[in-house]
Amino acid sequence: DTIQIDTAAEVMGRRTNVGLQVEGDVRATIAAVLPLIKRKKNRKFLKGLLKKHNTVMSKVVGAYTTKPSKFQKIHPEYAASILNDVAADDAIFTADTGMCN
């Protein structure tokens, strides 16, 4: 299920089905939830999911992260890929393109 945290309740579920909607600040919500999460010793599920995610991102989003020609629009994914190259290793940023992958 998808969980969406947003301060604007009216936009929740606009682009994808949402199993749990949380109206609020993301930072405060994560700070409240993290202490309740226990790290699992068996990482098989996580490793499989990360591998699947990497495959999807390489095929689907990867098509948008190539340098555009002189007269093409720049996709948000391309801008994010450039930011990723220069950002700190612990930086977090997103680009909402409306794609549901």
PDB file of N, CA and C in Angstrom:
ATOM      1  N   ASP A   1       0.820  -1.192   0.000  1.00  0.00           N
ATOM      2  CA  ASP A   1       0.000   0.000   0.000  1.00  0.00           C
ATOM      3  C   ASP A   1       0.867   1.260   0.000  1.00  0.00           C
ATOM      4  N   THR A   2       0.343   2.297  -0.575  1.00  0.00           N
ATOM      5  CA  THR A   2       1.012   3.593  -0.572  1.00  0.00           C
ATOM      6  C   THR A   2       0.559   4.391   0.643  1.00  0.00           C
ATOM      7  N   ILE A   3       1.520   5.005   1.313  1.00  0.00           N
ATOM      8  CA  ILE A   3       1.236   5.917   2.414  1.00  0.00           C
ATOM      9  C   ILE A   3       1.606   7.309   1.940  1.00  0.00           C
ATOM     10  N   GLN A   4       0.681   8.253   2.080  1.00  0.00           N
ATOM     11  CA  GLN A   4       0.963   9.633   1.681  1.00  0.00           C
ATOM     12  C   GLN A   4       0.841  10.540   2.892  1.00  0.00           C
ATOM     13  N   ILE A   5       1.900  11.321   3.113  1.00  0.00           N
ATOM     14  CA  ILE A   5       1.911  12.318   4.182  1.00  0.00           C
ATOM     15  C   ILE A   5       1.937  13.674   3.501  1.00  0.00           C
ATOM     16  N   ASP A   6       0.967  14.527   3.834  1.00  0.00           N
ATOM     17  CA  ASP A   6       0.888  15.825   3.180  1.00  0.00           C
ATOM     18  C   ASP A   6       0.162  16.804   4.092  1.00  0.00           C
ATOM     19  N   THR A   7       0.571  18.047   4.022  1.00  0.00           N
ATOM     20  CA  THR A   7      -0.122  19.076   4.806  1.00  0.00           C
ATOM     21  C   THR A   7      -1.405  19.537   4.114  1.00  0.00           C
ATOM     22  N   ALA A   8      -1.548  19.193   2.853  1.00  0.00           N
ATOM     23  CA  ALA A   8      -2.746  19.574   2.090  1.00  0.00           C
ATOM     24  C   ALA A   8      -3.593  18.330   1.839  1.00  0.00           C
ATOM     25  N   ALA A   9      -4.574  18.101   2.697  1.00  0.00           N
ATOM     26  CA  ALA A   9      -5.406  16.892   2.604  1.00  0.00           C
ATOM     27  C   ALA A   9      -6.117  16.781   1.258  1.00  0.00           C
ATOM     28  N   GLU A  10      -6.427  17.900   0.637  1.00  0.00           N
ATOM     29  CA  GLU A  10      -7.189  17.871  -0.617  1.00  0.00           C
ATOM     30  C   GLU A  10      -6.405  17.275  -1.787  1.00  0.00           C
ATOM     31  N   VAL A  11      -5.091  17.150  -1.680  1.00  0.00           N
ATOM     32  CA  VAL A  11      -4.305  16.593  -2.782  1.00  0.00           C
ATOM     33  C   VAL A  11      -3.978  15.113  -2.591  1.00  0.00           C
ATOM     34  N   MET A  12      -4.308  14.581  -1.438  1.00  0.00           N
ATOM     35  CA  MET A  12      -3.970  13.179  -1.182  1.00  0.00           C
ATOM     36  C   MET A  12      -4.763  12.246  -2.077  1.00  0.00           C
ATOM     37  N   GLY A  13      -4.064  11.279  -2.642  1.00  0.00           N
ATOM     38  CA  GLY A  13      -4.695  10.312  -3.516  1.00  0.00           C
ATOM     39  C   GLY A  13      -4.980  10.828  -4.908  1.00  0.00           C
ATOM     40  N   ARG A  14      -4.470  11.989  -5.241  1.00  0.00           N
ATOM     41  CA  ARG A  14      -4.737  12.590  -6.546  1.00  0.00           C
ATOM     42  C   ARG A  14      -4.110  11.787  -7.677  1.00  0.00           C
ATOM     43  N   ARG A  15      -2.909  11.251  -7.457  1.00  0.00           N
ATOM     44  CA  ARG A  15      -2.186  10.593  -8.547  1.00  0.00           C
ATOM     45  C   ARG A  15      -2.078   9.080  -8.413  1.00  0.00           C
ATOM     46  N   THR A  16      -2.400   8.555  -7.251  1.00  0.00           N
ATOM     47  CA  THR A  16      -2.328   7.106  -7.054  1.00  0.00           C
ATOM     48  C   THR A  16      -3.248   6.722  -5.909  1.00  0.00           C
ATOM     49  N   ASN A  17      -3.616   5.453  -5.855  1.00  0.00           N
ATOM     50  CA  ASN A  17      -4.419   4.976  -4.739  1.00  0.00           C
ATOM     51  C   ASN A  17      -3.570   5.033  -3.476  1.00  0.00           C
ATOM     52  N   VAL A  18      -4.165   5.517  -2.407  1.00  0.00           N
ATOM     53  CA  VAL A  18      -3.446   5.677  -1.155  1.00  0.00           C
ATOM     54  C   VAL A  18      -4.117   4.803  -0.095  1.00  0.00           C
ATOM     55  N   GLY A  19      -3.331   3.890   0.489  1.00  0.00           N
ATOM     56  CA  GLY A  19      -3.860   3.009   1.523  1.00  0.00           C
ATOM     57  C   GLY A  19      -3.962   3.687   2.875  1.00  0.00           C
ATOM     58  N   LEU A  20      -3.070   4.639   3.135  1.00  0.00           N
ATOM     59  CA  LEU A  20      -3.084   5.373   4.395  1.00  0.00           C
ATOM     60  C   LEU A  20      -2.738   6.829   4.118  1.00  0.00           C
ATOM     61  N   GLN A  21      -3.653   7.720   4.475  1.00  0.00           N
ATOM     62  CA  GLN A  21      -3.441   9.155   4.292  1.00  0.00           C
ATOM     63  C   GLN A  21      -3.163   9.780   5.655  1.00  0.00           C
ATOM     64  N   VAL A  22      -2.065  10.505   5.743  1.00  0.00           N
ATOM     65  CA  VAL A  22      -1.702  11.182   6.987  1.00  0.00           C
ATOM     66  C   VAL A  22      -1.600  12.668   6.689  1.00  0.00           C
ATOM     67  N   GLU A  23      -2.495  13.437   7.294  1.00  0.00           N
ATOM     68  CA  GLU A  23      -2.437  14.885   7.118  1.00  0.00           C
ATOM     69  C   GLU A  23      -1.499  15.448   8.173  1.00  0.00           C
ATOM     70  N   GLY A  24      -0.385  16.028   7.703  1.00  0.00           N
ATOM     71  CA  GLY A  24       0.570  16.590   8.643  1.00  0.00           C
ATOM     72  C   GLY A  24       1.910  16.853   7.996  1.00  0.00           C
ATOM     73  N   ASP A  25       2.844  17.254   8.824  1.00  0.00           N
ATOM     74  CA  ASP A  25       4.197  17.566   8.398  1.00  0.00           C
ATOM     75  C   ASP A  25       5.020  16.286   8.288  1.00  0.00           C
ATOM     76  N   VAL A  26       5.729  16.104   7.186  1.00  0.00           N
ATOM     77  CA  VAL A  26       6.502  14.883   6.968  1.00  0.00           C
ATOM     78  C   VAL A  26       7.579  14.716   8.040  1.00  0.00           C
ATOM     79  N   ARG A  27       8.326  15.771   8.337  1.00  0.00           N
ATOM     80  CA  ARG A  27       9.407  15.670   9.320  1.00  0.00           C
ATOM     81  C   ARG A  27       8.868  15.223  10.685  1.00  0.00           C
ATOM     82  N   ALA A  28       7.798  15.853  11.126  1.00  0.00           N
ATOM     83  CA  ALA A  28       7.223  15.508  12.427  1.00  0.00           C
ATOM     84  C   ALA A  28       6.664  14.083  12.427  1.00  0.00           C
ATOM     85  N   THR A  29       6.040  13.683  11.327  1.00  0.00           N
ATOM     86  CA  THR A  29       5.473  12.341  11.229  1.00  0.00           C
ATOM     87  C   THR A  29       6.568  11.287  11.263  1.00  0.00           C
ATOM     88  N   ILE A  30       7.619  11.480  10.478  1.00  0.00           N
ATOM     89  CA  ILE A  30       8.733  10.528  10.468  1.00  0.00           C
ATOM     90  C   ILE A  30       9.403  10.466  11.836  1.00  0.00           C
ATOM     91  N   ALA A  31       9.592  11.619  12.466  1.00  0.00           N
ATOM     92  CA  ALA A  31      10.204  11.653  13.797  1.00  0.00           C
ATOM     93  C   ALA A  31       9.372  10.869  14.805  1.00  0.00           C
ATOM     94  N   ALA A  32       8.063  10.907  14.670  1.00  0.00           N
ATOM     95  CA  ALA A  32       7.182  10.179  15.586  1.00  0.00           C
ATOM     96  C   ALA A  32       7.152   8.682  15.290  1.00  0.00           C
ATOM     97  N   VAL A  33       7.274   8.306  14.020  1.00  0.00           N
ATOM     98  CA  VAL A  33       7.152   6.902  13.623  1.00  0.00           C
ATOM     99  C   VAL A  33       8.471   6.133  13.758  1.00  0.00           C
ATOM    100  N   LEU A  34       9.596   6.748  13.462  1.00  0.00           N
ATOM    101  CA  LEU A  34      10.882   6.041  13.482  1.00  0.00           C
ATOM    102  C   LEU A  34      11.176   5.282  14.773  1.00  0.00           C
ATOM    103  N   PRO A  35      10.912   5.841  15.938  1.00  0.00           N
ATOM    104  CA  PRO A  35      11.198   5.087  17.161  1.00  0.00           C
ATOM    105  C   PRO A  35      10.360   3.813  17.310  1.00  0.00           C
ATOM    106  N   LEU A  36       9.276   3.713  16.573  1.00  0.00           N
ATOM    107  CA  LEU A  36       8.394   2.545  16.660  1.00  0.00           C
ATOM    108  C   LEU A  36       8.803   1.423  15.716  1.00  0.00           C
ATOM    109  N   ILE A  37       9.746   1.695  14.834  1.00  0.00           N
ATOM    110  CA  ILE A  37      10.156   0.711  13.829  1.00  0.00           C
ATOM    111  C   ILE A  37      11.374  -0.062  14.329  1.00  0.00           C
ATOM    112  N   LYS A  38      11.271  -1.383  14.270  1.00  0.00           N
ATOM    113  CA  LYS A  38      12.385  -2.232  14.681  1.00  0.00           C
ATOM    114  C   LYS A  38      13.078  -2.782  13.436  1.00  0.00           C
ATOM    115  N   ARG A  39      14.392  -2.719  13.439  1.00  0.00           N
ATOM    116  CA  ARG A  39      15.180  -3.238  12.325  1.00  0.00           C
ATOM    117  C   ARG A  39      15.076  -4.757  12.293  1.00  0.00           C
ATOM    118  N   LYS A  40      14.811  -5.295  11.112  1.00  0.00           N
ATOM    119  CA  LYS A  40      14.718  -6.743  10.957  1.00  0.00           C
ATOM    120  C   LYS A  40      16.091  -7.314  10.631  1.00  0.00           C
ATOM    121  N   LYS A  41      16.363  -8.484  11.165  1.00  0.00           N
ATOM    122  CA  LYS A  41      17.645  -9.135  10.898  1.00  0.00           C
ATOM    123  C   LYS A  41      17.672  -9.751   9.505  1.00  0.00           C
ATOM    124  N   ASN A  42      16.555 -10.306   9.072  1.00  0.00           N
ATOM    125  CA  ASN A  42      16.471 -10.919   7.744  1.00  0.00           C
ATOM    126  C   ASN A  42      16.231  -9.817   6.719  1.00  0.00           C
ATOM    127  N   ARG A  43      17.204  -9.585   5.854  1.00  0.00           N
ATOM    128  CA  ARG A  43      17.142  -8.497   4.873  1.00  0.00           C
ATOM    129  C   ARG A  43      16.733  -8.977   3.474  1.00  0.00           C
ATOM    130  N   LYS A  44      16.306 -10.241   3.350  1.00  0.00           N
ATOM    131  CA  LYS A  44      15.980 -10.815   2.045  1.00  0.00           C
ATOM    132  C   LYS A  44      14.889 -10.010   1.329  1.00  0.00           C
ATOM    133  N   PHE A  45      13.812  -9.695   2.025  1.00  0.00           N
ATOM    134  CA  PHE A  45      12.718  -8.948   1.414  1.00  0.00           C
ATOM    135  C   PHE A  45      13.197  -7.577   0.942  1.00  0.00           C
ATOM    136  N   LEU A  46      13.930  -6.870   1.805  1.00  0.00           N
ATOM    137  CA  LEU A  46      14.437  -5.546   1.453  1.00  0.00           C
ATOM    138  C   LEU A  46      15.368  -5.609   0.250  1.00  0.00           C
ATOM    139  N   LYS A  47      16.285  -6.554   0.245  1.00  0.00           N
ATOM    140  CA  LYS A  47      17.221  -6.675  -0.880  1.00  0.00           C
ATOM    141  C   LYS A  47      16.485  -6.947  -2.184  1.00  0.00           C
ATOM    142  N   GLY A  48      15.482  -7.816  -2.144  1.00  0.00           N
ATOM    143  CA  GLY A  48      14.701  -8.115  -3.346  1.00  0.00           C
ATOM    144  C   GLY A  48      13.937  -6.904  -3.845  1.00  0.00           C
ATOM    145  N   LEU A  49      13.344  -6.166  -2.909  1.00  0.00           N
ATOM    146  CA  LEU A  49      12.589  -4.973  -3.276  1.00  0.00           C
ATOM    147  C   LEU A  49      13.498  -3.887  -3.840  1.00  0.00           C
ATOM    148  N   LEU A  50      14.676  -3.707  -3.247  1.00  0.00           N
ATOM    149  CA  LEU A  50      15.622  -2.717  -3.757  1.00  0.00           C
ATOM    150  C   LEU A  50      16.119  -3.084  -5.151  1.00  0.00           C
ATOM    151  N   LYS A  51      16.323  -4.376  -5.392  1.00  0.00           N
ATOM    152  CA  LYS A  51      16.751  -4.829  -6.719  1.00  0.00           C
ATOM    153  C   LYS A  51      15.659  -4.546  -7.757  1.00  0.00           C
ATOM    154  N   LYS A  52      14.404  -4.852  -7.404  1.00  0.00           N
ATOM    155  CA  LYS A  52      13.281  -4.593  -8.306  1.00  0.00           C
ATOM    156  C   LYS A  52      13.151  -3.091  -8.573  1.00  0.00           C
ATOM    157  N   HIS A  53      13.265  -2.288  -7.528  1.00  0.00           N
ATOM    158  CA  HIS A  53      13.165  -0.835  -7.661  1.00  0.00           C
ATOM    159  C   HIS A  53      14.260  -0.297  -8.579  1.00  0.00           C
ATOM    160  N   ASN A  54      15.469  -0.780  -8.403  1.00  0.00           N
ATOM    161  CA  ASN A  54      16.589  -0.341  -9.236  1.00  0.00           C
ATOM    162  C   ASN A  54      16.344  -0.675 -10.705  1.00  0.00           C
ATOM    163  N   THR A  55      15.799  -1.849 -10.967  1.00  0.00           N
ATOM    164  CA  THR A  55      15.486  -2.253 -12.345  1.00  0.00           C
ATOM    165  C   THR A  55      14.436  -1.324 -12.952  1.00  0.00           C
ATOM    166  N   VAL A  56      13.377  -1.059 -12.200  1.00  0.00           N
ATOM    167  CA  VAL A  56      12.310  -0.188 -12.689  1.00  0.00           C
ATOM    168  C   VAL A  56      12.834   1.227 -12.929  1.00  0.00           C
ATOM    169  N   MET A  57      13.607   1.726 -11.982  1.00  0.00           N
ATOM    170  CA  MET A  57      14.124   3.090 -12.121  1.00  0.00           C
ATOM    171  C   MET A  57      15.085   3.201 -13.307  1.00  0.00           C
ATOM    172  N   SER A  58      15.875   2.164 -13.534  1.00  0.00           N
ATOM    173  CA  SER A  58      16.814   2.197 -14.658  1.00  0.00           C
ATOM    174  C   SER A  58      16.088   2.196 -15.994  1.00  0.00           C
ATOM    175  N   LYS A  59      15.017   1.413 -16.090  1.00  0.00           N
ATOM    176  CA  LYS A  59      14.298   1.310 -17.354  1.00  0.00           C
ATOM    177  C   LYS A  59      13.337   2.473 -17.574  1.00  0.00           C
ATOM    178  N   VAL A  60      12.510   2.756 -16.588  1.00  0.00           N
ATOM    179  CA  VAL A  60      11.458   3.750 -16.762  1.00  0.00           C
ATOM    180  C   VAL A  60      12.001   5.169 -16.606  1.00  0.00           C
ATOM    181  N   VAL A  61      12.556   5.461 -15.458  1.00  0.00           N
ATOM    182  CA  VAL A  61      13.036   6.812 -15.185  1.00  0.00           C
ATOM    183  C   VAL A  61      14.346   7.074 -15.917  1.00  0.00           C
ATOM    184  N   GLY A  62      15.127   6.049 -16.119  1.00  0.00           N
ATOM    185  CA  GLY A  62      16.400   6.201 -16.817  1.00  0.00           C
ATOM    186  C   GLY A  62      16.247   6.829 -18.190  1.00  0.00           C
ATOM    187  N   ALA A  63      15.104   6.583 -18.809  1.00  0.00           N
ATOM    188  CA  ALA A  63      14.848   7.160 -20.130  1.00  0.00           C
ATOM    189  C   ALA A  63      14.769   8.687 -20.072  1.00  0.00           C
ATOM    190  N   TYR A  64      14.469   9.223 -18.902  1.00  0.00           N
ATOM    191  CA  TYR A  64      14.327  10.668 -18.752  1.00  0.00           C
ATOM    192  C   TYR A  64      15.561  11.336 -18.160  1.00  0.00           C
ATOM    193  N   THR A  65      16.590  10.550 -17.834  1.00  0.00           N
ATOM    194  CA  THR A  65      17.754  11.136 -17.167  1.00  0.00           C
ATOM    195  C   THR A  65      18.938  11.344 -18.101  1.00  0.00           C
ATOM    196  N   THR A  66      18.720  11.164 -19.381  1.00  0.00           N
ATOM    197  CA  THR A  66      19.785  11.454 -20.337  1.00  0.00           C
ATOM    198  C   THR A  66      19.783  12.945 -20.663  1.00  0.00           C
ATOM    199  N   LYS A  67      20.945  13.441 -20.974  1.00  0.00           N
ATOM    200  CA  LYS A  67      21.067  14.873 -21.275  1.00  0.00           C
ATOM    201  C   LYS A  67      20.215  15.222 -22.489  1.00  0.00           C
ATOM    202  N   PRO A  68      19.357  16.244 -22.365  1.00  0.00           N
ATOM    203  CA  PRO A  68      18.490  16.606 -23.493  1.00  0.00           C
ATOM    204  C   PRO A  68      19.281  17.296 -24.603  1.00  0.00           C
ATOM    205  N   SER A  69      18.721  17.194 -25.808  1.00  0.00           N
ATOM    206  CA  SER A  69      19.340  17.942 -26.901  1.00  0.00           C
ATOM    207  C   SER A  69      19.044  19.426 -26.692  1.00  0.00           C
ATOM    208  N   LYS A  70      19.625  20.248 -27.518  1.00  0.00           N
ATOM    209  CA  LYS A  70      19.553  21.701 -27.344  1.00  0.00           C
ATOM    210  C   LYS A  70      18.121  22.237 -27.240  1.00  0.00           C
ATOM    211  N   PHE A  71      17.182  21.641 -27.964  1.00  0.00           N
ATOM    212  CA  PHE A  71      15.834  22.199 -28.031  1.00  0.00           C
ATOM    213  C   PHE A  71      14.779  21.365 -27.325  1.00  0.00           C
ATOM    214  N   GLN A  72      15.189  20.445 -26.469  1.00  0.00           N
ATOM    215  CA  GLN A  72      14.230  19.629 -25.717  1.00  0.00           C
ATOM    216  C   GLN A  72      13.981  20.226 -24.339  1.00  0.00           C
ATOM    217  N   LYS A  73      12.807  19.925 -23.796  1.00  0.00           N
ATOM    218  CA  LYS A  73      12.513  20.311 -22.424  1.00  0.00           C
ATOM    219  C   LYS A  73      13.348  19.438 -21.485  1.00  0.00           C
ATOM    220  N   ILE A  74      13.703  19.979 -20.351  1.00  0.00           N
ATOM    221  CA  ILE A  74      14.438  19.206 -19.344  1.00  0.00           C
ATOM    222  C   ILE A  74      13.417  18.547 -18.427  1.00  0.00           C
ATOM    223  N   HIS A  75      13.490  17.232 -18.315  1.00  0.00           N
ATOM    224  CA  HIS A  75      12.603  16.489 -17.428  1.00  0.00           C
ATOM    225  C   HIS A  75      13.069  16.642 -15.983  1.00  0.00           C
ATOM    226  N   PRO A  76      12.130  16.630 -15.027  1.00  0.00           N
ATOM    227  CA  PRO A  76      12.515  16.725 -13.613  1.00  0.00           C
ATOM    228  C   PRO A  76      13.489  15.623 -13.204  1.00  0.00           C
ATOM    229  N   GLU A  77      13.355  14.450 -13.806  1.00  0.00           N
ATOM    230  CA  GLU A  77      14.254  13.340 -13.483  1.00  0.00           C
ATOM    231  C   GLU A  77      15.695  13.667 -13.863  1.00  0.00           C
ATOM    232  N   TYR A  78      15.874  14.370 -14.977  1.00  0.00           N
ATOM    233  CA  TYR A  78      17.222  14.750 -15.397  1.00  0.00           C
ATOM    234  C   TYR A  78      17.813  15.757 -14.405  1.00  0.00           C
ATOM    235  N   ALA A  79      17.005  16.733 -14.014  1.00  0.00           N
ATOM    236  CA  ALA A  79      17.476  17.714 -13.027  1.00  0.00           C
ATOM    237  C   ALA A  79      17.841  17.014 -11.724  1.00  0.00           C
ATOM    238  N   ALA A  80      17.024  16.055 -11.287  1.00  0.00           N
ATOM    239  CA  ALA A  80      17.315  15.322 -10.051  1.00  0.00           C
ATOM    240  C   ALA A  80      18.586  14.501 -10.190  1.00  0.00           C
ATOM    241  N   SER A  81      18.830  13.930 -11.369  1.00  0.00           N
ATOM    242  CA  SER A  81      20.046  13.138 -11.556  1.00  0.00           C
ATOM    243  C   SER A  81      21.297  14.015 -11.492  1.00  0.00           C
ATOM    244  N   ILE A  82      21.201  15.237 -11.992  1.00  0.00           N
ATOM    245  CA  ILE A  82      22.329  16.175 -11.914  1.00  0.00           C
ATOM    246  C   ILE A  82      22.548  16.598 -10.458  1.00  0.00           C
ATOM    247  N   LEU A  83      21.456  16.904  -9.762  1.00  0.00           N
ATOM    248  CA  LEU A  83      21.565  17.243  -8.339  1.00  0.00           C
ATOM    249  C   LEU A  83      22.188  16.090  -7.547  1.00  0.00           C
ATOM    250  N   ASN A  84      21.799  14.871  -7.877  1.00  0.00           N
ATOM    251  CA  ASN A  84      22.336  13.699  -7.189  1.00  0.00           C
ATOM    252  C   ASN A  84      23.852  13.604  -7.348  1.00  0.00           C
ATOM    253  N   ASP A  85      24.350  14.004  -8.494  1.00  0.00           N
ATOM    254  CA  ASP A  85      25.801  13.945  -8.741  1.00  0.00           C
ATOM    255  C   ASP A  85      26.582  14.909  -7.845  1.00  0.00           C
ATOM    256  N   VAL A  86      25.959  16.021  -7.460  1.00  0.00           N
ATOM    257  CA  VAL A  86      26.681  17.028  -6.678  1.00  0.00           C
ATOM    258  C   VAL A  86      26.230  17.116  -5.220  1.00  0.00           C
ATOM    259  N   ALA A  87      25.166  16.405  -4.873  1.00  0.00           N
ATOM    260  CA  ALA A  87      24.625  16.479  -3.518  1.00  0.00           C
ATOM    261  C   ALA A  87      25.463  15.665  -2.539  1.00  0.00           C
ATOM    262  N   ALA A  88      25.341  16.005  -1.273  1.00  0.00           N
ATOM    263  CA  ALA A  88      25.994  15.225  -0.219  1.00  0.00           C
ATOM    264  C   ALA A  88      25.400  13.819  -0.190  1.00  0.00           C
ATOM    265  N   ASP A  89      26.179  12.856   0.288  1.00  0.00           N
ATOM    266  CA  ASP A  89      25.720  11.465   0.317  1.00  0.00           C
ATOM    267  C   ASP A  89      24.453  11.269   1.148  1.00  0.00           C
ATOM    268  N   ASP A  90      24.248  12.102   2.155  1.00  0.00           N
ATOM    269  CA  ASP A  90      23.070  11.944   3.000  1.00  0.00           C
ATOM    270  C   ASP A  90      21.930  12.905   2.630  1.00  0.00           C
ATOM    271  N   ALA A  91      22.036  13.560   1.480  1.00  0.00           N
ATOM    272  CA  ALA A  91      20.984  14.485   1.038  1.00  0.00           C
ATOM    273  C   ALA A  91      19.772  13.700   0.543  1.00  0.00           C
ATOM    274  N   ILE A  92      18.600  14.251   0.783  1.00  0.00           N
ATOM    275  CA  ILE A  92      17.354  13.651   0.301  1.00  0.00           C
ATOM    276  C   ILE A  92      16.594  14.713  -0.475  1.00  0.00           C
ATOM    277  N   PHE A  93      16.193  14.382  -1.701  1.00  0.00           N
ATOM    278  CA  PHE A  93      15.360  15.284  -2.500  1.00  0.00           C
ATOM    279  C   PHE A  93      14.517  14.446  -3.417  1.00  0.00           C
ATOM    280  N   THR A  94      13.401  14.991  -3.877  1.00  0.00           N
ATOM    281  CA  THR A  94      12.486  14.258  -4.731  1.00  0.00           C
ATOM    282  C   THR A  94      12.036  15.119  -5.894  1.00  0.00           C
ATOM    283  N   ALA A  95      11.515  14.471  -6.907  1.00  0.00           N
ATOM    284  CA  ALA A  95      10.875  15.164  -8.029  1.00  0.00           C
ATOM    285  C   ALA A  95       9.541  14.480  -8.267  1.00  0.00           C
ATOM    286  N   ASP A  96       8.461  15.188  -8.107  1.00  0.00           N
ATOM    287  CA  ASP A  96       7.133  14.623  -8.307  1.00  0.00           C
ATOM    288  C   ASP A  96       6.734  14.841  -9.753  1.00  0.00           C
ATOM    289  N   THR A  97       6.793  13.778 -10.534  1.00  0.00           N
ATOM    290  CA  THR A  97       6.466  13.879 -11.951  1.00  0.00           C
ATOM    291  C   THR A  97       5.067  13.404 -12.259  1.00  0.00           C
ATOM    292  N   GLY A  98       4.407  12.829 -11.262  1.00  0.00           N
ATOM    293  CA  GLY A  98       3.074  12.296 -11.486  1.00  0.00           C
ATOM    294  C   GLY A  98       3.075  10.883 -12.020  1.00  0.00           C
ATOM    295  N   MET A  99       4.255  10.324 -12.275  1.00  0.00           N
ATOM    296  CA  MET A  99       4.348   8.937 -12.739  1.00  0.00           C
ATOM    297  C   MET A  99       4.095   8.019 -11.549  1.00  0.00           C
ATOM    298  N   CYS A 100       3.336   6.995 -11.733  1.00  0.00           N
ATOM    299  CA  CYS A 100       3.010   6.065 -10.644  1.00  0.00           C
ATOM    300  C   CYS A 100       3.807   4.775 -10.794  1.00  0.00           C
ATOM    301  N   ASN A 101       5.098   4.853 -10.663  1.00  0.00           N
ATOM    302  CA  ASN A 101       5.905   3.647 -10.762  1.00  0.00           C
ATOM    303  C   ASN A 101       6.598   3.470  -9.448  1.00  0.00           C
TER     304      ASN A 101
END
